C-alpha atoms as a PDB file:
ATOM      1  CA  UNK A   1     -19.387  -4.248 -10.082  1.00  0.00           C
ATOM      2  CA  UNK A   2     -18.065  -2.703 -13.225  1.00  0.00           C
ATOM      3  CA  UNK A   3     -14.055  -2.575 -13.564  1.00  0.00           C
ATOM      4  CA  UNK A   4     -14.206   1.337 -13.363  1.00  0.00           C
ATOM      5  CA  UNK A   5     -16.394   1.279 -10.172  1.00  0.00           C
ATOM      6  CA  UNK A   6     -13.894  -1.294  -8.542  1.00  0.00           C
ATOM      7  CA  UNK A   7     -10.980   0.826  -9.329  1.00  0.00           C
ATOM      8  CA  UNK A   8     -12.312   3.965  -8.196  1.00  0.00           C
ATOM      9  CA  UNK A   9     -14.054   2.941  -4.895  1.00  0.00           C
ATOM     10  CA  UNK A  10     -12.689   3.579  -1.518  1.00  0.00           C
ATOM     11  CA  UNK A  11     -12.283   0.382   0.262  1.00  0.00           C
ATOM     12  CA  UNK A  12     -11.598   0.769   3.901  1.00  0.00           C
ATOM     13  CA  UNK A  13     -10.664  -2.190   5.764  1.00  0.00           C
ATOM     14  CA  UNK A  14     -13.616  -4.089   6.855  1.00  0.00           C
ATOM     15  CA  UNK A  15     -12.002  -6.635   9.105  1.00  0.00           C
ATOM     16  CA  UNK A  16      -9.428  -6.575  11.914  1.00  0.00           C
ATOM     17  CA  UNK A  17      -7.400  -8.943   9.753  1.00  0.00           C
ATOM     18  CA  UNK A  18      -7.509  -6.768   6.694  1.00  0.00           C
ATOM     19  CA  UNK A  19      -6.618  -3.513   8.979  1.00  0.00           C
ATOM     20  CA  UNK A  20      -3.681  -5.682  10.477  1.00  0.00           C
ATOM     21  CA  UNK A  21      -2.244  -6.781   7.224  1.00  0.00           C
ATOM     22  CA  UNK A  22      -2.429  -3.106   5.794  1.00  0.00           C
ATOM     23  CA  UNK A  23      -0.641  -1.711   8.923  1.00  0.00           C
ATOM     24  CA  UNK A  24       2.096  -4.433   8.968  1.00  0.00           C
ATOM     25  CA  UNK A  25       2.644  -3.868   5.201  1.00  0.00           C
ATOM     26  CA  UNK A  26       2.906   0.028   5.817  1.00  0.00           C
ATOM     27  CA  UNK A  27       5.340  -0.578   8.820  1.00  0.00           C
ATOM     28  CA  UNK A  28       7.567  -3.002   6.615  1.00  0.00           C
ATOM     29  CA  UNK A  29       7.541  -0.323   3.879  1.00  0.00           C
ATOM     30  CA  UNK A  30       8.430   2.675   5.987  1.00  0.00           C
ATOM     31  CA  UNK A  31      11.306   0.647   7.462  1.00  0.00           C
ATOM     32  CA  UNK A  32      12.385  -0.111   3.846  1.00  0.00           C
ATOM     33  CA  UNK A  33      12.063   3.561   2.934  1.00  0.00           C
ATOM     34  CA  UNK A  34      14.020   4.738   5.882  1.00  0.00           C
ATOM     35  CA  UNK A  35      16.793   2.179   5.303  1.00  0.00           C
ATOM     36  CA  UNK A  36      16.918   3.448   1.722  1.00  0.00           C
ATOM     37  CA  UNK A  37      17.290   7.069   3.021  1.00  0.00           C
ATOM     38  CA  UNK A  38      20.026   6.128   5.317  1.00  0.00           C
ATOM     39  CA  UNK A  39      22.075   4.194   2.917  1.00  0.00           C
ATOM     40  CA  UNK A  40      21.665   5.849  -0.475  1.00  0.00           C
ATOM     41  CA  UNK A  41      23.294   9.004  -1.614  1.00  0.00           C
ATOM     42  CA  UNK A  42      20.516  11.979  -1.999  1.00  0.00           C
ATOM     43  CA  UNK A  43      19.678  12.167  -5.601  1.00  0.00           C
ATOM     44  CA  UNK A  44      17.490  11.444  -8.439  1.00  0.00           C
ATOM     45  CA  UNK A  45      18.036   7.620  -7.928  1.00  0.00           C
ATOM     46  CA  UNK A  46      16.956   7.682  -4.382  1.00  0.00           C
ATOM     47  CA  UNK A  47      13.976   9.912  -5.194  1.00  0.00           C
ATOM     48  CA  UNK A  48      12.786   7.477  -7.785  1.00  0.00           C
ATOM     49  CA  UNK A  49      13.336   4.651  -5.434  1.00  0.00           C
ATOM     50  CA  UNK A  50      11.235   6.159  -2.893  1.00  0.00           C
ATOM     51  CA  UNK A  51       8.562   7.171  -5.701  1.00  0.00           C
ATOM     52  CA  UNK A  52       8.468   3.293  -6.662  1.00  0.00           C
ATOM     53  CA  UNK A  53       8.230   2.462  -3.111  1.00  0.00           C
ATOM     54  CA  UNK A  54       5.238   4.687  -2.584  1.00  0.00           C
ATOM     55  CA  UNK A  55       3.666   3.116  -5.606  1.00  0.00           C
ATOM     56  CA  UNK A  56       4.380  -0.329  -4.253  1.00  0.00           C
ATOM     57  CA  UNK A  57       2.453   0.639  -1.122  1.00  0.00           C
ATOM     58  CA  UNK A  58      -0.464   1.916  -2.896  1.00  0.00           C
ATOM     59  CA  UNK A  59      -0.825  -1.153  -5.163  1.00  0.00           C
ATOM     60  CA  UNK A  60      -0.148  -3.536  -2.125  1.00  0.00           C
ATOM     61  CA  UNK A  61      -2.822  -1.794  -0.103  1.00  0.00           C
ATOM     62  CA  UNK A  62      -5.204  -1.735  -2.807  1.00  0.00           C
ATOM     63  CA  UNK A  63      -4.934  -5.402  -3.441  1.00  0.00           C
ATOM     64  CA  UNK A  64      -5.707  -6.162   0.319  1.00  0.00           C
ATOM     65  CA  UNK A  65      -8.604  -3.623   0.381  1.00  0.00           C
ATOM     66  CA  UNK A  66     -10.116  -4.583  -3.041  1.00  0.00           C
ATOM     67  CA  UNK A  67     -10.131  -8.359  -2.429  1.00  0.00           C
ATOM     68  CA  UNK A  68     -11.693  -8.370   1.103  1.00  0.00           C
ATOM     69  CA  UNK A  69     -14.801 -10.671   1.431  1.00  0.00           C
ATOM     70  CA  UNK A  70     -17.903  -8.914   0.889  1.00  0.00           C
ATOM     71  CA  UNK A  71     -20.168  -8.295   3.831  1.00  0.00           C
ATOM     72  CA  UNK A  72     -23.593  -8.806   3.457  1.00  0.00           C
ATOM     73  CA  UNK A  73     -26.102  -6.113   4.930  1.00  0.00           C
END
């Protein structure tokens, strides 16, 4: 598979384990984001921290999704 195709293809979870890993990761990141919102003053820095958290979620979930074992059909 080409690098471009790998980067731009949708990768839904194909196993219960991958789905569970994604769900657990999201729950942890949501908890962290809510902690940041509760404990940091509103402003540019909080906004940037939440943006980076969103970016972290994207890449971490992509790592799980893109590295699942291939299913033979």
